[in-house]
Amino acid sequence: MAHIQLIYGDEPQLIEEEKRKFLSAYPDLPVTVLDDEVGPQKISEKLCEDSLFGDQKVFCL
């Protein structure tokens, strides 16, 4: 089952706090950080590649 959480705003401290809470909810899952500077095509490729294997992961963009 997928769980998606969108965190946005103009207060970096609150965003970091919410991000820490989210990541601490899944301590046993590997976290993959995707940098938006690589572009949407590379991000999409990575998400599709990982979805083929069915392993649970946390993606952070």
C-alpha atoms as a PDB file:
ATOM      1  CA  MET A   1       0.000   0.000   0.000  1.00  0.00           C
ATOM      2  CA  ALA A   2       1.303   3.454  -0.892  1.00  0.00           C
ATOM      3  CA  HIS A   3       1.353   6.393   1.452  1.00  0.00           C
ATOM      4  CA  ILE A   4       2.068   9.818   0.037  1.00  0.00           C
ATOM      5  CA  GLN A   5       2.582  12.915   2.119  1.00  0.00           C
ATOM      6  CA  LEU A   6       3.030  16.323   0.551  1.00  0.00           C
ATOM      7  CA  ILE A   7       4.806  18.863   2.735  1.00  0.00           C
ATOM      8  CA  TYR A   8       5.116  22.398   1.458  1.00  0.00           C
ATOM      9  CA  GLY A   9       5.307  25.934   2.750  1.00  0.00           C
ATOM     10  CA  ASP A  10       7.600  28.852   3.300  1.00  0.00           C
ATOM     11  CA  GLU A  11       8.805  27.933   6.795  1.00  0.00           C
ATOM     12  CA  PRO A  12      11.848  25.642   6.431  1.00  0.00           C
ATOM     13  CA  GLN A  13      11.900  24.735  10.130  1.00  0.00           C
ATOM     14  CA  LEU A  14       8.323  23.417  10.048  1.00  0.00           C
ATOM     15  CA  ILE A  15       8.986  21.530   6.823  1.00  0.00           C
ATOM     16  CA  GLU A  16      12.052  19.849   8.348  1.00  0.00           C
ATOM     17  CA  GLU A  17      10.069  18.940  11.481  1.00  0.00           C
ATOM     18  CA  GLU A  18       7.293  17.329   9.416  1.00  0.00           C
ATOM     19  CA  LYS A  19       9.878  15.536   7.279  1.00  0.00           C
ATOM     20  CA  ARG A  20      11.575  14.101  10.386  1.00  0.00           C
ATOM     21  CA  LYS A  21       8.221  12.905  11.755  1.00  0.00           C
ATOM     22  CA  PHE A  22       7.361  11.245   8.447  1.00  0.00           C
ATOM     23  CA  LEU A  23      10.741   9.519   8.117  1.00  0.00           C
ATOM     24  CA  SER A  24      10.681   8.342  11.744  1.00  0.00           C
ATOM     25  CA  ALA A  25       7.374   6.581  11.046  1.00  0.00           C
ATOM     26  CA  TYR A  26       9.258   4.242   8.671  1.00  0.00           C
ATOM     27  CA  PRO A  27      12.575   3.536  10.435  1.00  0.00           C
ATOM     28  CA  ASP A  28      13.107   0.116   8.834  1.00  0.00           C
ATOM     29  CA  LEU A  29      12.586   1.183   5.220  1.00  0.00           C
ATOM     30  CA  PRO A  30      15.385   2.443   3.001  1.00  0.00           C
ATOM     31  CA  VAL A  31      15.140   6.117   2.063  1.00  0.00           C
ATOM     32  CA  THR A  32      15.922   7.216  -1.482  1.00  0.00           C
ATOM     33  CA  VAL A  33      16.523  10.926  -1.939  1.00  0.00           C
ATOM     34  CA  LEU A  34      15.789  12.225  -5.433  1.00  0.00           C
ATOM     35  CA  ASP A  35      17.134  15.665  -6.277  1.00  0.00           C
ATOM     36  CA  ASP A  36      14.817  17.753  -8.460  1.00  0.00           C
ATOM     37  CA  GLU A  37      17.845  19.134 -10.323  1.00  0.00           C
ATOM     38  CA  VAL A  38      18.237  15.848 -12.232  1.00  0.00           C
ATOM     39  CA  GLY A  39      14.937  16.534 -13.971  1.00  0.00           C
ATOM     40  CA  PRO A  40      11.522  14.904 -14.044  1.00  0.00           C
ATOM     41  CA  GLN A  41      12.496  12.225 -16.582  1.00  0.00           C
ATOM     42  CA  LYS A  42      15.273  10.790 -14.389  1.00  0.00           C
ATOM     43  CA  ILE A  43      13.022  10.925 -11.318  1.00  0.00           C
ATOM     44  CA  SER A  44      10.254   9.115 -13.204  1.00  0.00           C
ATOM     45  CA  GLU A  45      12.711   6.475 -14.437  1.00  0.00           C
ATOM     46  CA  LYS A  46      13.916   5.826 -10.892  1.00  0.00           C
ATOM     47  CA  LEU A  47      10.379   5.508  -9.534  1.00  0.00           C
ATOM     48  CA  CYS A  48       9.351   3.130 -12.339  1.00  0.00           C
ATOM     49  CA  GLU A  49      12.523   1.070 -11.962  1.00  0.00           C
ATOM     50  CA  ASP A  50      11.991   0.588  -8.244  1.00  0.00           C
ATOM     51  CA  SER A  51       8.281  -0.170  -8.595  1.00  0.00           C
ATOM     52  CA  LEU A  52       9.096  -3.235 -10.728  1.00  0.00           C
ATOM     53  CA  PHE A  53      10.633  -5.068  -7.785  1.00  0.00           C
ATOM     54  CA  GLY A  54       7.913  -4.362  -5.230  1.00  0.00           C
ATOM     55  CA  ASP A  55      10.304  -3.545  -2.399  1.00  0.00           C
ATOM     56  CA  GLN A  56       8.987  -0.968   0.011  1.00  0.00           C
ATOM     57  CA  LYS A  57      10.948   2.271   0.075  1.00  0.00           C
ATOM     58  CA  VAL A  58      10.568   5.857   1.131  1.00  0.00           C
ATOM     59  CA  PHE A  59      11.261   8.436  -1.566  1.00  0.00           C
ATOM     60  CA  CYS A  60      12.154  11.973  -0.607  1.00  0.00           C
ATOM     61  CA  LEU A  61      12.225  14.682  -3.255  1.00  0.00           C
END
